[in-house]
Amino acid sequence: MTQLKPSEKRMLVILLSGLFLLANVLGWAWYSSLTIRSERRLAGLKAKVNSLEVWRREAPAAEEKRAWIGANLKEYADETARDTYLDNLVQNDLRSGLDLELISPRPLDPLMPTDELPFIRSRYETKVKGTWTDVMTFVYRLQKPSEFRFVPRVTMVPRKNEQNDAEQFVECFVTIEKWWAPESATEDEFAMNEQPAAPVVEAPVTAAVPTPEPDAAAAAPAAEVVPAAAATPETVNPVNPGQ
């Protein structure tokens, strides 16, 4: 067997050392990427476990809220009952015993459920005029969370009483909402509240303008005007001067 020369041995040692280093570098890179992926996956699993733990702790409170909503969120009998509910409430129970003047009360179009707010909302707005005490009592009566009745907007303007400077009047503009269970609405109501699609506007077709036929009378050449024959002495009766 032929022995390797010293130079060949050195080359072989260098080659094997290079392969060993390359294998270590590749192995370390693979191990590092695997470790990073494992840590990320572990962090994701820990986050899910924490979320589930939070949900588990909050489950009794959430169930209590769900039961409260189920007991207090009502369905309306029909559209008429829904649209007249707030008007009847304001005109009767809510202003009972108060000296108030309702100016331009009117119901607004209801709002159908959305992803952000899954309730049917009846709306009503009016301007109220009266003493400060009566107006504030009226506003406090409007909002009742247990009946899902809220006042999303209220604006007050103080006015002095013309008869008594010590008594202050208030003009108050309020918007009221009453929330209903989404099961109340029918498919027809949802369809009526959908925005209609924009109509397709077609480009007008330009009709060819026909060329008028020339009028026969206009097309015909004008008749030549022949002057009347001049009177001659032979054709004129002589006038007798003695006559």
C-alpha atoms as a PDB file:
ATOM      1  CA  MET A   1       0.000   0.000   0.000  1.00  0.00           C
ATOM      2  CA  THR A   2       1.365   3.348  -1.031  1.00  0.00           C
ATOM      3  CA  GLN A   3       1.916   5.711   1.847  1.00  0.00           C
ATOM      4  CA  LEU A   4       0.704   9.283   1.637  1.00  0.00           C
ATOM      5  CA  LYS A   5       3.178  12.012   1.341  1.00  0.00           C
ATOM      6  CA  PRO A   6       3.360  14.593   4.138  1.00  0.00           C
ATOM      7  CA  SER A   7       1.879  17.238   1.853  1.00  0.00           C
ATOM      8  CA  GLU A   8      -1.013  14.943   0.956  1.00  0.00           C
ATOM      9  CA  LYS A   9      -1.601  14.203   4.629  1.00  0.00           C
ATOM     10  CA  ARG A  10      -1.771  17.920   5.361  1.00  0.00           C
ATOM     11  CA  MET A  11      -4.248  18.439   2.514  1.00  0.00           C
ATOM     12  CA  LEU A  12      -6.381  15.558   3.787  1.00  0.00           C
ATOM     13  CA  VAL A  13      -6.366  16.949   7.327  1.00  0.00           C
ATOM     14  CA  ILE A  14      -7.342  20.397   6.041  1.00  0.00           C
ATOM     15  CA  LEU A  15     -10.145  18.914   3.921  1.00  0.00           C
ATOM     16  CA  LEU A  16     -11.533  16.859   6.794  1.00  0.00           C
ATOM     17  CA  SER A  17     -11.310  19.852   9.130  1.00  0.00           C
ATOM     18  CA  GLY A  18     -13.198  21.991   6.616  1.00  0.00           C
ATOM     19  CA  LEU A  19     -15.917  19.364   6.241  1.00  0.00           C
ATOM     20  CA  PHE A  20     -16.195  19.092  10.014  1.00  0.00           C
ATOM     21  CA  LEU A  21     -16.548  22.858  10.406  1.00  0.00           C
ATOM     22  CA  LEU A  22     -19.096  23.045   7.582  1.00  0.00           C
ATOM     23  CA  ALA A  23     -21.144  20.253   9.153  1.00  0.00           C
ATOM     24  CA  ASN A  24     -21.072  22.058  12.498  1.00  0.00           C
ATOM     25  CA  VAL A  25     -22.142  25.367  10.934  1.00  0.00           C
ATOM     26  CA  LEU A  26     -25.022  23.744   9.037  1.00  0.00           C
ATOM     27  CA  GLY A  27     -26.057  21.768  12.098  1.00  0.00           C
ATOM     28  CA  TRP A  28     -26.026  24.883  14.264  1.00  0.00           C
ATOM     29  CA  ALA A  29     -28.098  26.819  11.728  1.00  0.00           C
ATOM     30  CA  TRP A  30     -30.667  24.005  11.544  1.00  0.00           C
ATOM     31  CA  TYR A  31     -30.778  23.689  15.328  1.00  0.00           C
ATOM     32  CA  SER A  32     -31.180  27.460  15.756  1.00  0.00           C
ATOM     33  CA  SER A  33     -34.060  27.677  13.269  1.00  0.00           C
ATOM     34  CA  LEU A  34     -35.730  24.666  14.886  1.00  0.00           C
ATOM     35  CA  THR A  35     -35.339  26.256  18.321  1.00  0.00           C
ATOM     36  CA  ILE A  36     -36.805  29.558  17.117  1.00  0.00           C
ATOM     37  CA  ARG A  37     -39.813  27.811  15.549  1.00  0.00           C
ATOM     38  CA  SER A  38     -40.348  25.784  18.703  1.00  0.00           C
ATOM     39  CA  GLU A  39     -40.187  28.893  20.890  1.00  0.00           C
ATOM     40  CA  ARG A  40     -42.674  30.708  18.677  1.00  0.00           C
ATOM     41  CA  ARG A  41     -45.040  27.765  18.725  1.00  0.00           C
ATOM     42  CA  LEU A  42     -44.680  27.484  22.483  1.00  0.00           C
ATOM     43  CA  ALA A  43     -45.405  31.202  22.886  1.00  0.00           C
ATOM     44  CA  GLY A  44     -48.525  30.843  20.726  1.00  0.00           C
ATOM     45  CA  LEU A  45     -49.735  27.879  22.760  1.00  0.00           C
ATOM     46  CA  LYS A  46     -49.128  29.780  25.999  1.00  0.00           C
ATOM     47  CA  ALA A  47     -51.135  32.735  24.654  1.00  0.00           C
ATOM     48  CA  LYS A  48     -54.023  30.407  23.756  1.00  0.00           C
ATOM     49  CA  VAL A  49     -53.861  28.797  27.183  1.00  0.00           C
ATOM     50  CA  ASN A  50     -53.948  32.237  28.824  1.00  0.00           C
ATOM     51  CA  SER A  51     -56.933  33.262  26.686  1.00  0.00           C
ATOM     52  CA  LEU A  52     -58.787  30.078  27.552  1.00  0.00           C
ATOM     53  CA  GLU A  53     -57.992  30.642  31.206  1.00  0.00           C
ATOM     54  CA  VAL A  54     -59.391  34.185  31.014  1.00  0.00           C
ATOM     55  CA  TRP A  55     -62.517  32.909  29.273  1.00  0.00           C
ATOM     56  CA  ARG A  56     -62.910  30.218  31.910  1.00  0.00           C
ATOM     57  CA  ARG A  57     -62.713  32.792  34.705  1.00  0.00           C
ATOM     58  CA  GLU A  58     -65.117  35.149  32.930  1.00  0.00           C
ATOM     59  CA  ALA A  59     -67.573  32.443  31.864  1.00  0.00           C
ATOM     60  CA  PRO A  60     -69.869  32.822  34.926  1.00  0.00           C
ATOM     61  CA  ALA A  61     -70.076  36.608  34.481  1.00  0.00           C
ATOM     62  CA  ALA A  62     -70.673  36.218  30.740  1.00  0.00           C
ATOM     63  CA  GLU A  63     -73.410  33.674  31.383  1.00  0.00           C
ATOM     64  CA  GLU A  64     -74.992  36.032  33.897  1.00  0.00           C
ATOM     65  CA  LYS A  65     -74.939  38.862  31.354  1.00  0.00           C
ATOM     66  CA  ARG A  66     -76.389  36.595  28.675  1.00  0.00           C
ATOM     67  CA  ALA A  67     -79.209  35.591  31.009  1.00  0.00           C
ATOM     68  CA  TRP A  68     -79.862  39.260  31.872  1.00  0.00           C
ATOM     69  CA  ILE A  69     -80.006  40.221  28.198  1.00  0.00           C
ATOM     70  CA  GLY A  70     -82.314  37.304  27.445  1.00  0.00           C
ATOM     71  CA  ALA A  71     -84.653  38.360  30.249  1.00  0.00           C
ATOM     72  CA  ASN A  72     -84.741  42.091  29.398  1.00  0.00           C
ATOM     73  CA  LEU A  73     -84.295  42.315  25.620  1.00  0.00           C
ATOM     74  CA  LYS A  74     -87.810  42.042  24.220  1.00  0.00           C
ATOM     75  CA  GLU A  75     -89.246  41.315  20.806  1.00  0.00           C
ATOM     76  CA  TYR A  76     -91.870  43.585  19.279  1.00  0.00           C
ATOM     77  CA  ALA A  77     -95.195  42.192  18.131  1.00  0.00           C
ATOM     78  CA  ASP A  78     -95.255  43.937  14.753  1.00  0.00           C
ATOM     79  CA  GLU A  79     -93.859  46.964  12.940  1.00  0.00           C
ATOM     80  CA  THR A  80     -96.662  49.242  14.143  1.00  0.00           C
ATOM     81  CA  ALA A  81     -95.933  48.420  17.781  1.00  0.00           C
ATOM     82  CA  ARG A  82     -92.233  49.033  17.191  1.00  0.00           C
ATOM     83  CA  ASP A  83     -92.694  52.375  15.430  1.00  0.00           C
ATOM     84  CA  THR A  84     -95.248  53.790  17.914  1.00  0.00           C
ATOM     85  CA  TYR A  85     -93.699  52.497  21.148  1.00  0.00           C
ATOM     86  CA  LEU A  86     -91.486  55.497  21.917  1.00  0.00           C
ATOM     87  CA  ASP A  87     -94.099  58.063  20.888  1.00  0.00           C
ATOM     88  CA  ASN A  88     -96.705  56.528  23.193  1.00  0.00           C
ATOM     89  CA  LEU A  89     -94.158  56.303  26.007  1.00  0.00           C
ATOM     90  CA  VAL A  90     -93.022  59.927  25.692  1.00  0.00           C
ATOM     91  CA  GLN A  91     -96.506  61.371  25.287  1.00  0.00           C
ATOM     92  CA  ASN A  92     -97.927  59.509  28.307  1.00  0.00           C
ATOM     93  CA  ASP A  93     -95.792  57.863  31.006  1.00  0.00           C
ATOM     94  CA  LEU A  94     -92.519  59.780  30.673  1.00  0.00           C
ATOM     95  CA  ARG A  95     -94.059  63.259  30.834  1.00  0.00           C
ATOM     96  CA  SER A  96     -96.648  62.378  33.456  1.00  0.00           C
ATOM     97  CA  GLY A  97     -96.787  65.000  36.235  1.00  0.00           C
ATOM     98  CA  LEU A  98     -94.350  67.330  34.453  1.00  0.00           C
ATOM     99  CA  ASP A  99     -95.071  70.755  32.989  1.00  0.00           C
ATOM    100  CA  LEU A 100     -93.396  70.289  29.611  1.00  0.00           C
ATOM    101  CA  GLU A 101     -93.940  71.389  26.052  1.00  0.00           C
ATOM    102  CA  LEU A 102     -92.974  68.917  23.341  1.00  0.00           C
ATOM    103  CA  ILE A 103     -91.946  70.634  20.115  1.00  0.00           C
ATOM    104  CA  SER A 104     -91.869  68.694  16.824  1.00  0.00           C
ATOM    105  CA  PRO A 105     -91.780  65.153  18.238  1.00  0.00           C
ATOM    106  CA  ARG A 106     -91.257  62.583  15.510  1.00  0.00           C
ATOM    107  CA  PRO A 107     -90.148  58.955  15.132  1.00  0.00           C
ATOM    108  CA  LEU A 108     -87.127  58.201  12.951  1.00  0.00           C
ATOM    109  CA  ASP A 109     -86.521  55.250  10.673  1.00  0.00           C
ATOM    110  CA  PRO A 110     -85.429  52.167  12.653  1.00  0.00           C
ATOM    111  CA  LEU A 111     -81.922  50.759  12.293  1.00  0.00           C
ATOM    112  CA  MET A 112     -81.430  47.094  11.452  1.00  0.00           C
ATOM    113  CA  PRO A 113     -78.779  44.880  13.149  1.00  0.00           C
ATOM    114  CA  THR A 114     -75.136  45.188  12.102  1.00  0.00           C
ATOM    115  CA  ASP A 115     -71.984  43.239  12.935  1.00  0.00           C
ATOM    116  CA  GLU A 116     -70.985  45.904  15.470  1.00  0.00           C
ATOM    117  CA  LEU A 117     -74.442  46.286  17.070  1.00  0.00           C
ATOM    118  CA  PRO A 118     -76.721  43.251  16.564  1.00  0.00           C
ATOM    119  CA  PHE A 119     -79.974  44.884  17.695  1.00  0.00           C
ATOM    120  CA  ILE A 120     -82.989  46.487  16.038  1.00  0.00           C
ATOM    121  CA  ARG A 121     -83.161  50.113  17.190  1.00  0.00           C
ATOM    122  CA  SER A 122     -86.290  52.255  17.224  1.00  0.00           C
ATOM    123  CA  ARG A 123     -85.439  55.963  17.252  1.00  0.00           C
ATOM    124  CA  TYR A 124     -87.337  59.065  18.299  1.00  0.00           C
ATOM    125  CA  GLU A 125     -86.429  62.721  18.639  1.00  0.00           C
ATOM    126  CA  THR A 126     -88.133  65.764  20.099  1.00  0.00           C
ATOM    127  CA  LYS A 127     -87.470  69.193  21.556  1.00  0.00           C
ATOM    128  CA  VAL A 128     -88.646  69.698  25.136  1.00  0.00           C
ATOM    129  CA  LYS A 129     -89.270  73.031  26.824  1.00  0.00           C
ATOM    130  CA  GLY A 130     -89.921  73.550  30.519  1.00  0.00           C
ATOM    131  CA  THR A 131     -88.372  74.337  33.870  1.00  0.00           C
ATOM    132  CA  TRP A 132     -84.948  72.970  34.716  1.00  0.00           C
ATOM    133  CA  THR A 133     -86.318  70.515  37.283  1.00  0.00           C
ATOM    134  CA  ASP A 134     -89.014  69.118  35.011  1.00  0.00           C
ATOM    135  CA  VAL A 135     -86.694  68.797  32.014  1.00  0.00           C
ATOM    136  CA  MET A 136     -84.017  66.996  34.027  1.00  0.00           C
ATOM    137  CA  THR A 137     -86.620  64.641  35.500  1.00  0.00           C
ATOM    138  CA  PHE A 138     -87.877  63.921  31.988  1.00  0.00           C
ATOM    139  CA  VAL A 139     -84.356  63.211  30.683  1.00  0.00           C
ATOM    140  CA  TYR A 140     -83.623  60.848  33.580  1.00  0.00           C
ATOM    141  CA  ARG A 141     -86.860  59.002  32.845  1.00  0.00           C
ATOM    142  CA  LEU A 142     -85.915  58.539  29.203  1.00  0.00           C
ATOM    143  CA  GLN A 143     -82.859  56.375  29.829  1.00  0.00           C
ATOM    144  CA  LYS A 144     -83.560  52.984  31.368  1.00  0.00           C
ATOM    145  CA  PRO A 145     -80.940  50.279  30.674  1.00  0.00           C
ATOM    146  CA  SER A 146     -83.125  47.491  32.054  1.00  0.00           C
ATOM    147  CA  GLU A 147     -85.539  48.182  29.179  1.00  0.00           C
ATOM    148  CA  PHE A 148     -82.736  48.799  26.657  1.00  0.00           C
ATOM    149  CA  ARG A 149     -83.779  52.426  26.304  1.00  0.00           C
ATOM    150  CA  PHE A 150     -80.987  54.968  25.852  1.00  0.00           C
ATOM    151  CA  VAL A 151     -80.404  58.650  25.098  1.00  0.00           C
ATOM    152  CA  PRO A 152     -77.448  58.831  22.683  1.00  0.00           C
ATOM    153  CA  ARG A 153     -77.828  62.588  22.177  1.00  0.00           C
ATOM    154  CA  VAL A 154     -79.015  65.450  24.384  1.00  0.00           C
ATOM    155  CA  THR A 155     -78.523  69.204  23.932  1.00  0.00           C
ATOM    156  CA  MET A 156     -79.702  71.829  26.445  1.00  0.00           C
ATOM    157  CA  VAL A 157     -80.084  75.583  26.029  1.00  0.00           C
ATOM    158  CA  PRO A 158     -81.059  77.669  29.108  1.00  0.00           C
ATOM    159  CA  ARG A 159     -83.771  80.315  28.678  1.00  0.00           C
ATOM    160  CA  LYS A 160     -85.005  82.894  31.179  1.00  0.00           C
ATOM    161  CA  ASN A 161     -88.651  82.977  32.141  1.00  0.00           C
ATOM    162  CA  GLU A 162     -90.188  86.189  30.837  1.00  0.00           C
ATOM    163  CA  GLN A 163     -92.609  86.409  33.796  1.00  0.00           C
ATOM    164  CA  ASN A 164     -90.169  85.443  36.546  1.00  0.00           C
ATOM    165  CA  ASP A 165     -86.439  86.191  36.284  1.00  0.00           C
ATOM    166  CA  ALA A 166     -85.676  83.880  39.193  1.00  0.00           C
ATOM    167  CA  GLU A 167     -87.066  80.864  37.332  1.00  0.00           C
ATOM    168  CA  GLN A 168     -85.018  79.443  34.492  1.00  0.00           C
ATOM    169  CA  PHE A 169     -86.453  77.599  31.526  1.00  0.00           C
ATOM    170  CA  VAL A 170     -84.569  75.036  29.473  1.00  0.00           C
ATOM    171  CA  GLU A 171     -84.931  73.960  25.862  1.00  0.00           C
ATOM    172  CA  CYS A 172     -83.669  70.421  25.432  1.00  0.00           C
ATOM    173  CA  PHE A 173     -83.251  68.459  22.199  1.00  0.00           C
ATOM    174  CA  VAL A 174     -83.099  64.694  22.758  1.00  0.00           C
ATOM    175  CA  THR A 175     -82.751  61.575  20.634  1.00  0.00           C
ATOM    176  CA  ILE A 176     -84.027  58.325  22.150  1.00  0.00           C
ATOM    177  CA  GLU A 177     -83.302  54.733  21.142  1.00  0.00           C
ATOM    178  CA  LYS A 178     -85.130  51.568  22.092  1.00  0.00           C
ATOM    179  CA  TRP A 179     -83.329  48.308  21.317  1.00  0.00           C
ATOM    180  CA  TRP A 180     -85.216  45.165  20.318  1.00  0.00           C
ATOM    181  CA  ALA A 181     -84.194  41.544  19.883  1.00  0.00           C
ATOM    182  CA  PRO A 182     -82.936  40.879  16.334  1.00  0.00           C
ATOM    183  CA  GLU A 183     -85.300  37.897  16.087  1.00  0.00           C
ATOM    184  CA  SER A 184     -88.195  40.376  15.885  1.00  0.00           C
ATOM    185  CA  ALA A 185     -87.444  41.423  12.320  1.00  0.00           C
ATOM    186  CA  THR A 186     -88.690  39.440   9.366  1.00  0.00           C
ATOM    187  CA  GLU A 187     -86.822  38.815   6.143  1.00  0.00           C
ATOM    188  CA  ASP A 188     -89.007  41.411   4.409  1.00  0.00           C
ATOM    189  CA  GLU A 189     -87.934  44.076   6.923  1.00  0.00           C
ATOM    190  CA  PHE A 190     -84.272  43.275   6.335  1.00  0.00           C
ATOM    191  CA  ALA A 191     -84.818  43.454   2.583  1.00  0.00           C
ATOM    192  CA  MET A 192     -86.612  46.813   2.849  1.00  0.00           C
ATOM    193  CA  ASN A 193     -83.738  48.306   4.841  1.00  0.00           C
ATOM    194  CA  GLU A 194     -81.036  47.184   2.427  1.00  0.00           C
ATOM    195  CA  GLN A 195     -79.551  49.899   0.268  1.00  0.00           C
ATOM    196  CA  PRO A 196     -80.785  49.574  -3.324  1.00  0.00           C
ATOM    197  CA  ALA A 197     -78.160  49.046  -5.948  1.00  0.00           C
ATOM    198  CA  ALA A 198     -77.300  51.989  -8.110  1.00  0.00           C
ATOM    199  CA  PRO A 199     -79.116  51.832 -11.450  1.00  0.00           C
ATOM    200  CA  VAL A 200     -77.055  51.130 -14.510  1.00  0.00           C
ATOM    201  CA  VAL A 201     -76.910  54.194 -16.701  1.00  0.00           C
ATOM    202  CA  GLU A 202     -76.651  53.342 -20.359  1.00  0.00           C
ATOM    203  CA  ALA A 203     -75.108  55.719 -22.818  1.00  0.00           C
ATOM    204  CA  PRO A 204     -77.769  57.253 -25.054  1.00  0.00           C
ATOM    205  CA  VAL A 205     -77.830  55.981 -28.589  1.00  0.00           C
ATOM    206  CA  THR A 206     -77.536  58.785 -31.101  1.00  0.00           C
ATOM    207  CA  ALA A 207     -80.045  58.216 -33.847  1.00  0.00           C
ATOM    208  CA  ALA A 208     -79.098  59.137 -37.357  1.00  0.00           C
ATOM    209  CA  VAL A 209     -80.850  62.302 -38.431  1.00  0.00           C
ATOM    210  CA  PRO A 210     -82.581  61.625 -41.760  1.00  0.00           C
ATOM    211  CA  THR A 211     -81.882  64.050 -44.556  1.00  0.00           C
ATOM    212  CA  PRO A 212     -85.187  65.666 -45.538  1.00  0.00           C
ATOM    213  CA  GLU A 213     -86.348  65.040 -49.067  1.00  0.00           C
ATOM    214  CA  PRO A 214     -86.541  68.206 -51.148  1.00  0.00           C
ATOM    215  CA  ASP A 215     -90.073  69.489 -51.533  1.00  0.00           C
ATOM    216  CA  ALA A 216     -91.495  68.841 -54.936  1.00  0.00           C
ATOM    217  CA  ALA A 217     -92.760  72.359 -55.185  1.00  0.00           C
ATOM    218  CA  ALA A 218     -89.429  73.741 -54.090  1.00  0.00           C
ATOM    219  CA  ALA A 219     -87.516  71.404 -56.369  1.00  0.00           C
ATOM    220  CA  ALA A 220     -89.526  72.359 -59.414  1.00  0.00           C
ATOM    221  CA  PRO A 221     -88.135  75.336 -61.317  1.00  0.00           C
ATOM    222  CA  ALA A 222     -90.022  78.541 -60.847  1.00  0.00           C
ATOM    223  CA  ALA A 223     -92.523  79.225 -63.586  1.00  0.00           C
ATOM    224  CA  GLU A 224     -91.433  81.927 -65.936  1.00  0.00           C
ATOM    225  CA  VAL A 225     -93.495  85.046 -65.514  1.00  0.00           C
ATOM    226  CA  VAL A 226     -94.795  86.208 -68.871  1.00  0.00           C
ATOM    227  CA  PRO A 227     -95.658  89.909 -68.880  1.00  0.00           C
ATOM    228  CA  ALA A 228     -99.093  90.846 -70.076  1.00  0.00           C
ATOM    229  CA  ALA A 229     -99.303  92.036 -73.641  1.00  0.00           C
ATOM    230  CA  ALA A 230     -99.161  95.790 -73.971  1.00  0.00           C
ATOM    231  CA  ALA A 231    -102.352  97.465 -75.114  1.00  0.00           C
ATOM    232  CA  THR A 232    -102.328  98.538 -78.744  1.00  0.00           C
ATOM    233  CA  PRO A 233    -104.390 101.201 -80.446  1.00  0.00           C
ATOM    234  CA  GLU A 234    -106.310  98.487 -82.191  1.00  0.00           C
ATOM    235  CA  THR A 235    -107.446  96.902 -78.976  1.00  0.00           C
ATOM    236  CA  VAL A 236    -108.431 100.092 -77.144  1.00  0.00           C
ATOM    237  CA  ASN A 237    -111.936 101.393 -77.780  1.00  0.00           C
ATOM    238  CA  PRO A 238    -111.749 104.966 -78.921  1.00  0.00           C
ATOM    239  CA  VAL A 239    -113.274 107.511 -76.584  1.00  0.00           C
ATOM    240  CA  ASN A 240    -115.591 110.040 -78.158  1.00  0.00           C
ATOM    241  CA  PRO A 241    -114.855 113.402 -76.656  1.00  0.00           C
ATOM    242  CA  GLY A 242    -118.344 114.509 -77.315  1.00  0.00           C
ATOM    243  CA  GLN A 243    -119.898 111.826 -75.211  1.00  0.00           C
END
